[in-house]
N, C-alpha and C. Protein backbone atom coordinates (compact mmCIF):
# COMPACT_ATOMS: atom_id res chain seq x y z
N MET A 1 0.85 -1.18 0.00
CA MET A 1 0.00 0.00 0.00
C MET A 1 0.90 1.24 0.00
N ASP A 2 0.59 2.15 -0.89
CA ASP A 2 1.35 3.38 -1.03
C ASP A 2 0.42 4.58 -0.87
N TRP A 3 1.03 5.74 -0.62
CA TRP A 3 0.29 6.99 -0.55
C TRP A 3 0.35 7.66 -1.92
N PHE A 4 -0.80 8.19 -2.36
CA PHE A 4 -0.90 8.89 -3.63
C PHE A 4 -1.52 10.25 -3.39
N ALA A 5 -1.09 11.23 -4.20
CA ALA A 5 -1.64 12.58 -4.10
C ALA A 5 -2.90 12.67 -4.96
N VAL A 6 -3.93 13.29 -4.39
CA VAL A 6 -5.20 13.48 -5.08
C VAL A 6 -5.42 14.99 -5.22
N GLN A 7 -5.63 15.44 -6.46
CA GLN A 7 -5.95 16.85 -6.69
C GLN A 7 -7.46 17.01 -6.60
N THR A 8 -7.89 18.06 -5.89
CA THR A 8 -9.32 18.31 -5.70
C THR A 8 -9.73 19.63 -6.34
N ARG A 9 -11.01 19.84 -6.43
CA ARG A 9 -11.51 21.13 -6.86
C ARG A 9 -11.21 22.14 -5.76
N TYR A 10 -11.26 23.42 -6.12
CA TYR A 10 -10.92 24.51 -5.20
C TYR A 10 -11.75 24.43 -3.91
N LEU A 11 -11.06 24.43 -2.78
CA LEU A 11 -11.64 24.41 -1.44
C LEU A 11 -12.54 23.20 -1.15
N CYS A 12 -12.26 22.09 -1.78
CA CYS A 12 -13.06 20.88 -1.57
C CYS A 12 -12.27 19.77 -0.88
N GLU A 13 -11.13 20.08 -0.31
CA GLU A 13 -10.27 19.05 0.28
C GLU A 13 -10.98 18.27 1.39
N ARG A 14 -11.67 18.96 2.28
CA ARG A 14 -12.34 18.27 3.40
C ARG A 14 -13.47 17.38 2.90
N ARG A 15 -14.24 17.86 1.95
CA ARG A 15 -15.33 17.06 1.40
C ARG A 15 -14.80 15.78 0.76
N VAL A 16 -13.72 15.90 0.00
CA VAL A 16 -13.13 14.73 -0.65
C VAL A 16 -12.58 13.77 0.40
N ARG A 17 -11.89 14.30 1.42
CA ARG A 17 -11.37 13.43 2.49
C ARG A 17 -12.51 12.64 3.14
N ASP A 18 -13.58 13.33 3.48
CA ASP A 18 -14.71 12.65 4.13
C ASP A 18 -15.34 11.61 3.21
N ALA A 19 -15.44 11.90 1.92
CA ALA A 19 -16.02 10.95 0.97
C ALA A 19 -15.12 9.73 0.81
N LEU A 20 -13.80 9.94 0.78
CA LEU A 20 -12.87 8.81 0.65
C LEU A 20 -12.91 7.94 1.91
N LEU A 21 -12.99 8.57 3.07
CA LEU A 21 -13.10 7.81 4.32
C LEU A 21 -14.39 7.00 4.34
N ALA A 22 -15.48 7.58 3.84
CA ALA A 22 -16.76 6.88 3.78
C ALA A 22 -16.69 5.67 2.85
N LYS A 23 -15.81 5.73 1.85
CA LYS A 23 -15.63 4.60 0.93
C LYS A 23 -14.68 3.55 1.48
N GLY A 24 -14.16 3.76 2.69
CA GLY A 24 -13.27 2.79 3.31
C GLY A 24 -11.80 2.95 2.95
N LEU A 25 -11.43 4.07 2.34
CA LEU A 25 -10.03 4.33 2.01
C LEU A 25 -9.40 5.18 3.10
N GLU A 26 -8.11 5.02 3.31
CA GLU A 26 -7.39 5.84 4.28
C GLU A 26 -6.97 7.14 3.59
N ALA A 27 -7.43 8.26 4.10
CA ALA A 27 -7.14 9.56 3.50
C ALA A 27 -6.51 10.46 4.56
N TYR A 28 -5.57 11.29 4.12
CA TYR A 28 -4.90 12.22 5.03
C TYR A 28 -4.91 13.62 4.40
N LEU A 29 -5.47 14.56 5.15
CA LEU A 29 -5.49 15.96 4.73
C LEU A 29 -4.65 16.76 5.71
N PRO A 30 -3.43 17.15 5.32
CA PRO A 30 -2.59 17.95 6.22
C PRO A 30 -3.19 19.34 6.39
N GLU A 31 -3.37 19.76 7.65
CA GLU A 31 -3.93 21.07 7.95
C GLU A 31 -3.14 21.71 9.09
N PHE A 32 -3.18 23.03 9.12
CA PHE A 32 -2.63 23.76 10.26
C PHE A 32 -3.51 24.96 10.54
N GLU A 33 -3.34 25.51 11.74
CA GLU A 33 -4.19 26.60 12.20
C GLU A 33 -3.56 27.95 11.87
N VAL A 34 -4.38 28.87 11.37
CA VAL A 34 -3.94 30.24 11.11
C VAL A 34 -4.98 31.20 11.66
N GLU A 35 -4.56 32.42 11.87
CA GLU A 35 -5.49 33.45 12.35
C GLU A 35 -5.97 34.27 11.15
N ARG A 36 -7.29 34.38 11.01
CA ARG A 36 -7.87 35.15 9.92
C ARG A 36 -8.54 36.39 10.48
N GLN A 37 -8.42 37.48 9.74
CA GLN A 37 -8.98 38.76 10.16
C GLN A 37 -10.15 39.10 9.24
N TRP A 38 -11.30 39.33 9.84
CA TRP A 38 -12.45 39.85 9.12
C TRP A 38 -12.67 41.29 9.57
N ARG A 39 -13.58 41.94 8.99
CA ARG A 39 -13.82 43.34 9.32
C ARG A 39 -14.19 43.50 10.80
N ASP A 40 -14.99 42.59 11.32
CA ASP A 40 -15.51 42.73 12.68
C ASP A 40 -14.88 41.80 13.72
N ARG A 41 -14.03 40.87 13.30
CA ARG A 41 -13.48 39.91 14.26
C ARG A 41 -12.25 39.19 13.71
N ARG A 42 -11.58 38.52 14.63
CA ARG A 42 -10.47 37.63 14.31
C ARG A 42 -10.84 36.23 14.76
N LYS A 43 -10.36 35.26 14.01
CA LYS A 43 -10.69 33.89 14.36
C LYS A 43 -9.57 32.96 13.91
N ARG A 44 -9.31 31.93 14.69
CA ARG A 44 -8.33 30.91 14.32
C ARG A 44 -9.07 29.81 13.58
N VAL A 45 -8.59 29.50 12.37
CA VAL A 45 -9.24 28.49 11.54
C VAL A 45 -8.20 27.51 11.02
N MET A 46 -8.67 26.31 10.68
CA MET A 46 -7.80 25.30 10.08
C MET A 46 -7.81 25.48 8.56
N VAL A 47 -6.61 25.46 7.96
CA VAL A 47 -6.48 25.57 6.51
C VAL A 47 -5.68 24.38 5.99
N SER A 48 -5.90 24.04 4.75
CA SER A 48 -5.17 22.95 4.12
C SER A 48 -3.71 23.36 3.95
N ALA A 49 -2.80 22.48 4.33
CA ALA A 49 -1.38 22.77 4.19
C ALA A 49 -0.98 22.86 2.71
N PHE A 50 -1.61 22.04 1.89
CA PHE A 50 -1.30 22.02 0.47
C PHE A 50 -2.60 22.23 -0.30
N SER A 51 -2.83 23.46 -0.66
CA SER A 51 -4.09 23.85 -1.28
C SER A 51 -4.39 23.00 -2.51
N GLY A 52 -5.58 22.39 -2.50
CA GLY A 52 -6.02 21.61 -3.63
C GLY A 52 -5.57 20.17 -3.64
N TYR A 53 -4.90 19.72 -2.57
CA TYR A 53 -4.38 18.35 -2.55
C TYR A 53 -4.64 17.68 -1.21
N LEU A 54 -4.79 16.36 -1.27
CA LEU A 54 -4.78 15.51 -0.09
C LEU A 54 -4.16 14.20 -0.51
N PHE A 55 -4.03 13.27 0.43
CA PHE A 55 -3.32 12.04 0.16
C PHE A 55 -4.20 10.84 0.52
N VAL A 56 -4.11 9.79 -0.28
CA VAL A 56 -4.89 8.59 -0.04
C VAL A 56 -3.93 7.39 -0.06
N CYS A 57 -4.13 6.48 0.88
CA CYS A 57 -3.31 5.27 0.98
C CYS A 57 -4.12 4.12 0.41
N MET A 58 -3.55 3.47 -0.60
CA MET A 58 -4.28 2.37 -1.24
C MET A 58 -3.32 1.50 -2.02
N ALA A 59 -3.77 0.28 -2.29
CA ALA A 59 -3.05 -0.58 -3.22
C ALA A 59 -3.41 -0.09 -4.61
N LEU A 60 -2.42 -0.01 -5.48
CA LEU A 60 -2.66 0.51 -6.82
C LEU A 60 -3.32 -0.56 -7.67
N SER A 61 -4.63 -0.45 -7.78
CA SER A 61 -5.41 -1.37 -8.62
C SER A 61 -6.42 -0.54 -9.39
N VAL A 62 -6.93 -1.12 -10.45
CA VAL A 62 -7.92 -0.41 -11.26
C VAL A 62 -9.14 -0.09 -10.41
N GLU A 63 -9.56 -1.04 -9.58
CA GLU A 63 -10.73 -0.84 -8.73
C GLU A 63 -10.55 0.36 -7.79
N ASN A 64 -9.39 0.44 -7.13
CA ASN A 64 -9.14 1.56 -6.21
C ASN A 64 -9.02 2.89 -6.96
N ARG A 65 -8.38 2.87 -8.12
CA ARG A 65 -8.28 4.11 -8.91
C ARG A 65 -9.66 4.63 -9.28
N VAL A 66 -10.54 3.72 -9.69
CA VAL A 66 -11.90 4.12 -10.07
C VAL A 66 -12.65 4.63 -8.86
N ARG A 67 -12.48 3.98 -7.69
CA ARG A 67 -13.15 4.45 -6.46
C ARG A 67 -12.74 5.89 -6.13
N VAL A 68 -11.47 6.19 -6.29
CA VAL A 68 -10.99 7.55 -6.00
C VAL A 68 -11.47 8.53 -7.06
N LEU A 69 -11.30 8.19 -8.32
CA LEU A 69 -11.63 9.11 -9.41
C LEU A 69 -13.13 9.37 -9.54
N ARG A 70 -13.96 8.46 -9.06
CA ARG A 70 -15.40 8.66 -9.11
C ARG A 70 -15.93 9.39 -7.88
N THR A 71 -15.04 9.81 -7.02
CA THR A 71 -15.43 10.58 -5.84
C THR A 71 -15.71 12.02 -6.28
N GLU A 72 -16.82 12.57 -5.82
CA GLU A 72 -17.19 13.93 -6.19
C GLU A 72 -16.10 14.91 -5.78
N ASN A 73 -15.80 15.87 -6.64
CA ASN A 73 -14.82 16.94 -6.45
C ASN A 73 -13.37 16.50 -6.61
N VAL A 74 -13.11 15.26 -7.01
CA VAL A 74 -11.75 14.81 -7.32
C VAL A 74 -11.45 15.20 -8.75
N VAL A 75 -10.30 15.83 -8.97
CA VAL A 75 -9.88 16.21 -10.31
C VAL A 75 -9.07 15.08 -10.94
N ARG A 76 -8.05 14.59 -10.20
CA ARG A 76 -7.19 13.54 -10.73
C ARG A 76 -6.28 12.98 -9.64
N LEU A 77 -5.70 11.83 -9.94
CA LEU A 77 -4.61 11.28 -9.14
C LEU A 77 -3.32 11.73 -9.82
N LEU A 78 -2.36 12.24 -9.07
CA LEU A 78 -1.14 12.74 -9.68
C LEU A 78 -0.25 11.59 -10.12
N GLY A 79 0.30 11.74 -11.30
CA GLY A 79 1.17 10.70 -11.84
C GLY A 79 1.76 11.13 -13.16
N ASN A 80 2.10 10.12 -13.96
CA ASN A 80 2.65 10.38 -15.28
C ASN A 80 1.90 9.53 -16.30
N ALA A 81 2.48 9.35 -17.48
CA ALA A 81 1.79 8.64 -18.55
C ALA A 81 1.51 7.18 -18.21
N THR A 82 2.29 6.60 -17.31
CA THR A 82 2.11 5.19 -16.94
C THR A 82 1.10 5.00 -15.82
N GLY A 83 0.68 6.08 -15.17
CA GLY A 83 -0.30 5.97 -14.10
C GLY A 83 0.09 6.80 -12.88
N PRO A 84 -0.66 6.64 -11.79
CA PRO A 84 -0.37 7.39 -10.56
C PRO A 84 1.03 7.07 -10.01
N VAL A 85 1.68 8.09 -9.47
CA VAL A 85 3.02 7.94 -8.89
C VAL A 85 2.91 8.09 -7.37
N PRO A 86 3.45 7.14 -6.60
CA PRO A 86 3.38 7.24 -5.14
C PRO A 86 4.14 8.46 -4.61
N VAL A 87 3.64 9.00 -3.51
CA VAL A 87 4.29 10.12 -2.82
C VAL A 87 5.40 9.54 -1.95
N SER A 88 6.48 10.27 -1.79
CA SER A 88 7.57 9.83 -0.93
C SER A 88 7.06 9.64 0.50
N THR A 89 7.22 8.43 1.02
CA THR A 89 6.77 8.11 2.37
C THR A 89 7.49 8.97 3.39
N GLU A 90 8.79 9.23 3.17
CA GLU A 90 9.57 10.04 4.10
C GLU A 90 9.06 11.47 4.16
N GLU A 91 8.78 12.06 3.00
CA GLU A 91 8.28 13.44 2.97
C GLU A 91 6.94 13.54 3.68
N LEU A 92 6.05 12.62 3.40
CA LEU A 92 4.72 12.64 4.02
C LEU A 92 4.80 12.40 5.52
N TYR A 93 5.68 11.50 5.94
CA TYR A 93 5.85 11.23 7.36
C TYR A 93 6.34 12.48 8.10
N LEU A 94 7.31 13.18 7.53
CA LEU A 94 7.86 14.38 8.18
C LEU A 94 6.82 15.49 8.26
N VAL A 95 6.03 15.67 7.22
CA VAL A 95 4.97 16.67 7.24
C VAL A 95 3.95 16.31 8.31
N ARG A 96 3.54 15.05 8.32
CA ARG A 96 2.52 14.60 9.29
C ARG A 96 3.03 14.76 10.72
N ARG A 97 4.26 14.36 10.96
CA ARG A 97 4.83 14.47 12.31
C ARG A 97 4.94 15.92 12.76
N ALA A 98 5.40 16.79 11.88
CA ALA A 98 5.54 18.21 12.23
C ALA A 98 4.18 18.84 12.52
N LEU A 99 3.18 18.55 11.70
CA LEU A 99 1.86 19.15 11.89
C LEU A 99 1.17 18.62 13.14
N GLU A 100 1.47 17.39 13.54
CA GLU A 100 0.89 16.84 14.77
C GLU A 100 1.38 17.59 16.00
N LEU A 101 2.54 18.22 15.91
CA LEU A 101 3.11 18.95 17.04
C LEU A 101 2.49 20.33 17.21
N ARG A 102 1.61 20.71 16.30
CA ARG A 102 0.83 21.95 16.40
C ARG A 102 1.70 23.20 16.50
N GLY A 103 2.79 23.25 15.74
CA GLY A 103 3.61 24.44 15.70
C GLY A 103 2.94 25.51 14.85
N GLN A 104 3.62 26.62 14.66
CA GLN A 104 3.08 27.69 13.83
C GLN A 104 3.66 27.54 12.43
N PHE A 105 2.84 27.09 11.50
CA PHE A 105 3.27 26.86 10.13
C PHE A 105 2.61 27.85 9.19
N PHE A 106 3.17 27.97 8.00
CA PHE A 106 2.62 28.82 6.96
C PHE A 106 3.04 28.27 5.61
N HIS A 107 2.32 28.68 4.57
CA HIS A 107 2.64 28.24 3.21
C HIS A 107 3.98 28.84 2.79
N HIS A 108 4.73 28.11 2.00
CA HIS A 108 6.05 28.55 1.57
C HIS A 108 6.27 28.08 0.14
N PRO A 109 7.01 28.84 -0.67
CA PRO A 109 7.32 28.37 -2.02
C PRO A 109 8.10 27.05 -1.97
N PHE A 110 7.88 26.20 -2.94
CA PHE A 110 8.55 24.91 -3.02
C PHE A 110 10.05 25.10 -3.23
N LEU A 111 10.86 24.35 -2.47
CA LEU A 111 12.32 24.41 -2.60
C LEU A 111 12.86 23.06 -3.01
N GLU A 112 13.72 23.04 -4.02
CA GLU A 112 14.42 21.82 -4.38
C GLU A 112 15.84 21.85 -3.87
N ALA A 113 16.38 23.04 -3.65
CA ALA A 113 17.75 23.19 -3.19
C ALA A 113 17.74 23.73 -1.76
N GLY A 114 18.83 23.51 -1.08
CA GLY A 114 18.96 24.00 0.28
C GLY A 114 19.56 22.92 1.16
N ALA A 115 20.18 23.34 2.23
CA ALA A 115 20.82 22.40 3.14
C ALA A 115 19.77 21.61 3.91
N MET A 116 19.96 20.31 3.98
CA MET A 116 19.08 19.46 4.78
C MET A 116 19.55 19.57 6.23
N VAL A 117 18.60 19.85 7.13
CA VAL A 117 18.92 20.00 8.55
C VAL A 117 17.93 19.19 9.38
N ARG A 118 18.33 18.89 10.59
CA ARG A 118 17.48 18.19 11.56
C ARG A 118 17.33 19.10 12.77
N VAL A 119 16.13 19.22 13.27
CA VAL A 119 15.90 20.00 14.49
C VAL A 119 16.36 19.15 15.65
N LYS A 120 17.24 19.71 16.50
CA LYS A 120 17.80 18.91 17.59
C LYS A 120 17.15 19.15 18.95
N ARG A 121 16.36 20.21 19.09
CA ARG A 121 15.64 20.41 20.36
C ARG A 121 14.40 21.25 20.12
N GLY A 122 13.53 21.21 21.10
CA GLY A 122 12.27 21.93 20.97
C GLY A 122 11.16 20.98 20.54
N PRO A 123 9.98 21.50 20.30
CA PRO A 123 8.84 20.64 19.96
C PRO A 123 9.00 19.90 18.64
N LEU A 124 9.83 20.42 17.72
CA LEU A 124 10.03 19.76 16.44
C LEU A 124 11.28 18.87 16.41
N ALA A 125 11.81 18.52 17.56
CA ALA A 125 13.03 17.71 17.63
C ALA A 125 12.89 16.46 16.78
N GLY A 126 13.91 16.24 15.92
CA GLY A 126 13.93 15.07 15.07
C GLY A 126 13.38 15.28 13.68
N VAL A 127 12.68 16.39 13.45
CA VAL A 127 12.10 16.65 12.12
C VAL A 127 13.22 17.12 11.18
N VAL A 128 13.22 16.58 9.96
CA VAL A 128 14.22 16.91 8.96
C VAL A 128 13.56 17.69 7.84
N GLY A 129 14.23 18.73 7.38
CA GLY A 129 13.72 19.52 6.27
C GLY A 129 14.82 20.37 5.67
N ARG A 130 14.46 21.20 4.73
CA ARG A 130 15.44 22.10 4.11
C ARG A 130 15.48 23.41 4.90
N PHE A 131 16.68 23.97 4.98
CA PHE A 131 16.88 25.21 5.73
C PHE A 131 17.05 26.36 4.76
N THR A 132 16.39 27.47 5.09
CA THR A 132 16.60 28.70 4.35
C THR A 132 16.72 29.83 5.36
N GLU A 133 17.65 30.74 5.11
CA GLU A 133 17.86 31.86 6.04
C GLU A 133 16.73 32.87 5.90
N PHE A 134 16.35 33.44 7.03
CA PHE A 134 15.29 34.45 7.04
C PHE A 134 15.49 35.35 8.24
N LYS A 135 15.65 36.65 7.98
CA LYS A 135 15.86 37.65 9.03
C LYS A 135 16.99 37.21 9.95
N ASN A 136 16.75 37.16 11.27
CA ASN A 136 17.81 36.82 12.23
C ASN A 136 17.89 35.32 12.53
N GLY A 137 17.11 34.53 11.86
CA GLY A 137 17.11 33.10 12.11
C GLY A 137 16.99 32.35 10.81
N GLY A 138 16.11 31.39 10.82
CA GLY A 138 15.93 30.61 9.61
C GLY A 138 14.56 29.98 9.57
N ARG A 139 14.31 29.32 8.49
CA ARG A 139 13.05 28.61 8.31
C ARG A 139 13.34 27.17 7.95
N LEU A 140 12.55 26.30 8.55
CA LEU A 140 12.58 24.89 8.21
C LEU A 140 11.46 24.67 7.21
N VAL A 141 11.81 24.22 6.00
CA VAL A 141 10.84 24.05 4.93
C VAL A 141 10.63 22.56 4.71
N LEU A 142 9.36 22.14 4.78
CA LEU A 142 8.99 20.76 4.54
C LEU A 142 8.26 20.70 3.21
N SER A 143 8.85 20.00 2.25
CA SER A 143 8.32 19.96 0.89
C SER A 143 7.78 18.58 0.54
N VAL A 144 6.80 18.57 -0.34
CA VAL A 144 6.31 17.33 -0.93
C VAL A 144 6.54 17.47 -2.43
N SER A 145 7.55 16.78 -2.94
CA SER A 145 7.98 16.98 -4.32
C SER A 145 6.94 16.56 -5.35
N THR A 146 6.11 15.57 -5.05
CA THR A 146 5.10 15.11 -6.01
C THR A 146 4.13 16.22 -6.39
N ILE A 147 3.79 17.08 -5.43
CA ILE A 147 2.83 18.16 -5.70
C ILE A 147 3.51 19.52 -5.80
N SER A 148 4.84 19.56 -5.62
CA SER A 148 5.62 20.80 -5.71
C SER A 148 5.08 21.90 -4.82
N GLN A 149 4.76 21.55 -3.57
CA GLN A 149 4.31 22.53 -2.59
C GLN A 149 5.07 22.31 -1.29
N ALA A 150 5.08 23.34 -0.45
CA ALA A 150 5.82 23.26 0.80
C ALA A 150 5.16 24.09 1.89
N ILE A 151 5.48 23.74 3.13
CA ILE A 151 5.11 24.53 4.29
C ILE A 151 6.38 24.82 5.07
N ALA A 152 6.34 25.81 5.93
CA ALA A 152 7.55 26.18 6.67
C ALA A 152 7.18 26.65 8.07
N THR A 153 8.19 26.66 8.92
CA THR A 153 8.08 27.21 10.26
C THR A 153 9.41 27.85 10.61
N ASP A 154 9.38 28.85 11.46
CA ASP A 154 10.61 29.52 11.88
C ASP A 154 11.35 28.67 12.90
N VAL A 155 12.68 28.63 12.77
CA VAL A 155 13.52 27.90 13.72
C VAL A 155 14.73 28.76 14.07
N ALA A 156 15.24 28.55 15.28
CA ALA A 156 16.45 29.24 15.70
C ALA A 156 17.65 28.48 15.16
N LEU A 157 18.69 29.20 14.80
CA LEU A 157 19.90 28.57 14.28
C LEU A 157 20.51 27.60 15.28
N SER A 158 20.38 27.89 16.56
CA SER A 158 20.96 27.03 17.59
C SER A 158 20.19 25.73 17.77
N ASP A 159 18.99 25.63 17.19
CA ASP A 159 18.16 24.43 17.35
C ASP A 159 18.27 23.44 16.20
N ILE A 160 19.14 23.71 15.23
CA ILE A 160 19.25 22.80 14.10
C ILE A 160 20.67 22.31 13.92
N GLU A 161 20.81 21.17 13.23
CA GLU A 161 22.11 20.64 12.89
C GLU A 161 22.04 20.08 11.47
N PRO A 162 23.16 20.14 10.74
CA PRO A 162 23.12 19.62 9.37
C PRO A 162 22.96 18.10 9.35
N VAL A 163 22.30 17.62 8.32
CA VAL A 163 22.17 16.18 8.11
C VAL A 163 23.28 15.78 7.16
N GLU A 164 24.04 14.74 7.52
CA GLU A 164 25.20 14.33 6.74
C GLU A 164 24.84 13.95 5.31
N SER A 165 23.71 13.28 5.15
CA SER A 165 23.31 12.81 3.84
C SER A 165 21.88 13.26 3.56
N THR A 166 21.54 13.37 2.29
CA THR A 166 20.16 13.73 1.98
C THR A 166 19.25 12.52 2.10
N ILE A 167 19.83 11.35 2.31
CA ILE A 167 19.03 10.14 2.53
C ILE A 167 18.94 9.92 4.04
N PHE A 168 17.76 9.77 4.53
CA PHE A 168 17.56 9.54 5.96
C PHE A 168 16.52 8.47 6.16
N ARG A 169 16.49 7.90 7.33
CA ARG A 169 15.55 6.82 7.62
C ARG A 169 14.45 7.32 8.51
N VAL A 170 13.25 6.82 8.25
CA VAL A 170 12.11 7.12 9.09
C VAL A 170 12.05 6.04 10.14
N ALA A 171 12.07 6.46 11.42
CA ALA A 171 12.08 5.48 12.51
C ALA A 171 10.72 4.89 12.74
């Protein structure tokens, strides 16, 4: 069983997740909390980490592909000419683990280059991502290459260490 990226119609990620769960498929919608300002009030709301996408875990079979593609508001399964392409398990694991810690995240442009670092202390200890400098500190960027999107959080330079290799193991 592999994880696959599912593209949805605009702002339909939750509906698609609920429909896939109702069909007995394992679906994951990465979300984080942000503060939104309206004219008369402020409110903390959950937003999709990767706008227009969610992930489904399934065995790649014609039956499962049809079950997903016939779900209302699904645009497509991401892949190439030969069919759907699985999402990197390591990337998805790191995103899921970081978001479970309820840190302060925000959308960030996708990065393919940058030093790989590991957070060595604090609530994100053990999370690996790409480092980019920002103001007096830095940002830890967690990317999902299949969908070319990323999220980030601010980190102190003293809380990170370089990763020797770009290949790492998920414990």
